[in-house]
Each structure stands twice: as structure tokens, then as C-alpha cells.
Amino acid sequence: MVINSRFFNRSELLGFLALAVLLLLILPLSLDIFRLNLVAKYLTYAFVGIGLVLCWGYGGILSLGQGVFFGLGGYCMAMYLKLEASSVANTKIQSTPGIPDFMDWNQITQLPLFWKPFHSFPVTVLAILLVPALFALIIGAAMFKRRVGGVYFAIITQAIAAILTILIVGQQGYTGGINGITDLRTLHGWDIRTDHAKFILYFVEVVLLFGCIVAAQFIRLTKLGRILVAMREQEDRVRFSGYSVANFKIFAFCAAAVFAAIGGAMFTLEVGFMSPSFVGIVPSIEMVIYTAVGGRMSIFGAVWGALLVNFAKTSLSESFPQLWLFGLGALFIAVVLAFPNGLSGIWADHIQPHIDRLFASRKPKSAAGLVADGAPAE
């Protein structure tokens, strides 16, 4: 079988195995639980990066509001965890036992209607997937059906991120306001604050990440993925060929929203809270930078970009807190000017050719020209 016809080609398979060894063996065995939890936090942004590869890299749709979907997924999970932590026994000192503490502080005397479905964990999981997808569907249909794209779409998504942040902060009694939803303790009675729980959640997150990688790769290799690339290069030609460009864009945007929401839900579990600071313009732009650094045309590049940029952010913030934003800006400028295809482009241009030559030099000469019956190889 020709290598390029497989689900992963040789380069992608090597990247998949290297990432698996790093995340499943090297990091858990070499890092303490605090640092491992930091890596888990970095990986939550990798989900957003995978979605941006499909939406921006392949579909040509630059969204500067992915923090919206990251936040929606995170808030859905936080609402379930907060309700579990707000049992009557745990909140008996409140004026109204059985509701979240911030609602009691804001003199709300009964649980709002839209909070009640989050008593159920299966409903919460469905909400994590469906609420961001529905929101993205509404935005996408409103924009793409009217052929709004390019920089205008990017600005609109940025505005939506700002609006949602203001809404969350303003509705303090229902959302926790600027502080967000905090003091999250258990998941089905399982204490998620312990080191053992953090260790297990890390592996759950890694498994989900590889599942999203496989799903994104499947989309990329189908006819849908090829149409997304064609749309990015020649949108009018695709439209004149009879395809509904708007529907394909809506799908890519919704898929990116679902990936981001999964990352947001895992962020809430790993960190133990969710606040509007992860929804607004700044985190959304940072998410785009992670993808650009890793390579917006590479699924694995987006994961590596999220890991490396966040590691740099943590390291610089610990030593030089005031310099990180300058470093982030310089990094983005370097990506645009020096290596527009990111780290994956550097790998493809300068490292992969050497690996290919190494494999070619090790191929037996007798196998190159003949098959078993002596006939020329096809």
C-alpha cells in the first residue's frame, strides 16, 4: 500500500507516536503532579488549536472568538460541578440552602430555570457539545449565508467575545460575575481536587485529545476536507461547481466550536474553576497564536504549538512577569515574517527531507526493482 493512502502518512505517524510517548510516558514519569497539572492545562488549549486548523488552516476562516466556545464548554461543566457542590448539606448556612453561593449573595432565592438541567451529568455532556455547536451554527448561518468573510468575520467574532464577557460579568447573580464559578469540589462524589484525581484526569484528557486528533484527521482526509482547502484557495470556483460554500463554512466553524468546548470543559475539571477571563478577546487571540506557531495547516503542529507557547509563557511569567506580552507579540511577528507555516513548516522543509532520505537509504536494493515472481514492481 502506498504510504500517502493510509490514515496517517509516515511523517504524521511518527508525529502521532512521538506525541503519545511524550504525553503518556515521559511527562507522567518525569514531572511532579503540580507540573503535570500545568501540562494538562496547556493541553486544553490544544483542543482549540485542532479546531482552528480545520476552520482557519483548511477552511480559511479566521475566528478571533474561539474563547467564546472554550468558555461555553467550561461554564457548562462548571455549572454541573457547582450544583453538586451546592447541596443543601453544604450550603445550610446560606439564606437559601441548595443554590450556589454567589446566587445567595445576590439575593436570588431559587435556582434559575436554565441551571436546572445541569443537575444531570449526561445532560451536561450533551450541553458541552450542543450549546457551542448551536451558537456557532447561529453565528455561521447569519454571517456565511450573507457571504461575510475574511477580516470582517474575524472582527465580528472578536466583538462577540467581548459582548459575551460583558454579559457574564454583568449577570453576576446567574454566572458568578468577574470571579466566575469557583469552589468546584466533586464529580459524582469523586473529589477532583486530590493529586490522585489530577493524575487520572490528565490521562482522560490525553485520550480525549487523541480522539479529537483522529476525528480531525478523518475530516481532513475526506471529500469534505478537500472541499475546505479548495474553498480557501478558490471560493468562487467551488461555488460555481455547485457546492454550497456557506454550508461547508458553517460545518467547519461548528466543528471548531465543539473541539474548543471540549477543551474548555477539561480546563474546568483540571483547574477547578471557570471565569470570564478565558472567554474574551485576549485569550481568543492567544489561541490563534498557539495555532500559528505550531502551524495552522498541521493538526499535530497545533498541539505542539499550544504546549510550547504555554510552557514559554509559564517560564517567562515566573521570571519576568512584565515581559511575557512583549514576547508573545514578538513571537507572532516572527511567525508571520520568518516561518508562516509555523513549526510544522520548519519540520516539513528542513527535517522531514533528511528522514525521508534516511528511510530511502535503508530500503533493500533488491526490493526496489523486482517482486517475488521476477516481474517489475508496480
Foldseek 3Di string as FASTA:
>chain_A
DDQVVDLAHPVRVVLVVVVCCVQVPVDVVPDDLVVLLLLLLLQLLLLLLLLLLLQCVLQVFDALFLLQLLQQLQQLLLLLLQQVCQAQVNQVVAPAGRDGPQLSVVVNRDADPVSVVSVDPVSSVVSLQPVLLVVLLVLLCVAVVVPHGDPRNRVVSQVVLVVVLVVLQVPCNNAVHQVGRADRADDVNHGLPDSVNLVVLSVVSVVVLVVSLSVSSVCCPDPLVVLSNVCNVPVVVSVVVPDDSSVSSSVSSSSSSSSSSVSSNSSCSSVGGHGSVSRHSVVSVVSVLLSQQLFSNDSSSSSVSSSVLSVVLVVCCVPPVVCSVVVSVVSSVCSVPPPRRHPVSCCVPPPVVVVVVVVVVPDDPVVQFADDVRDGDD
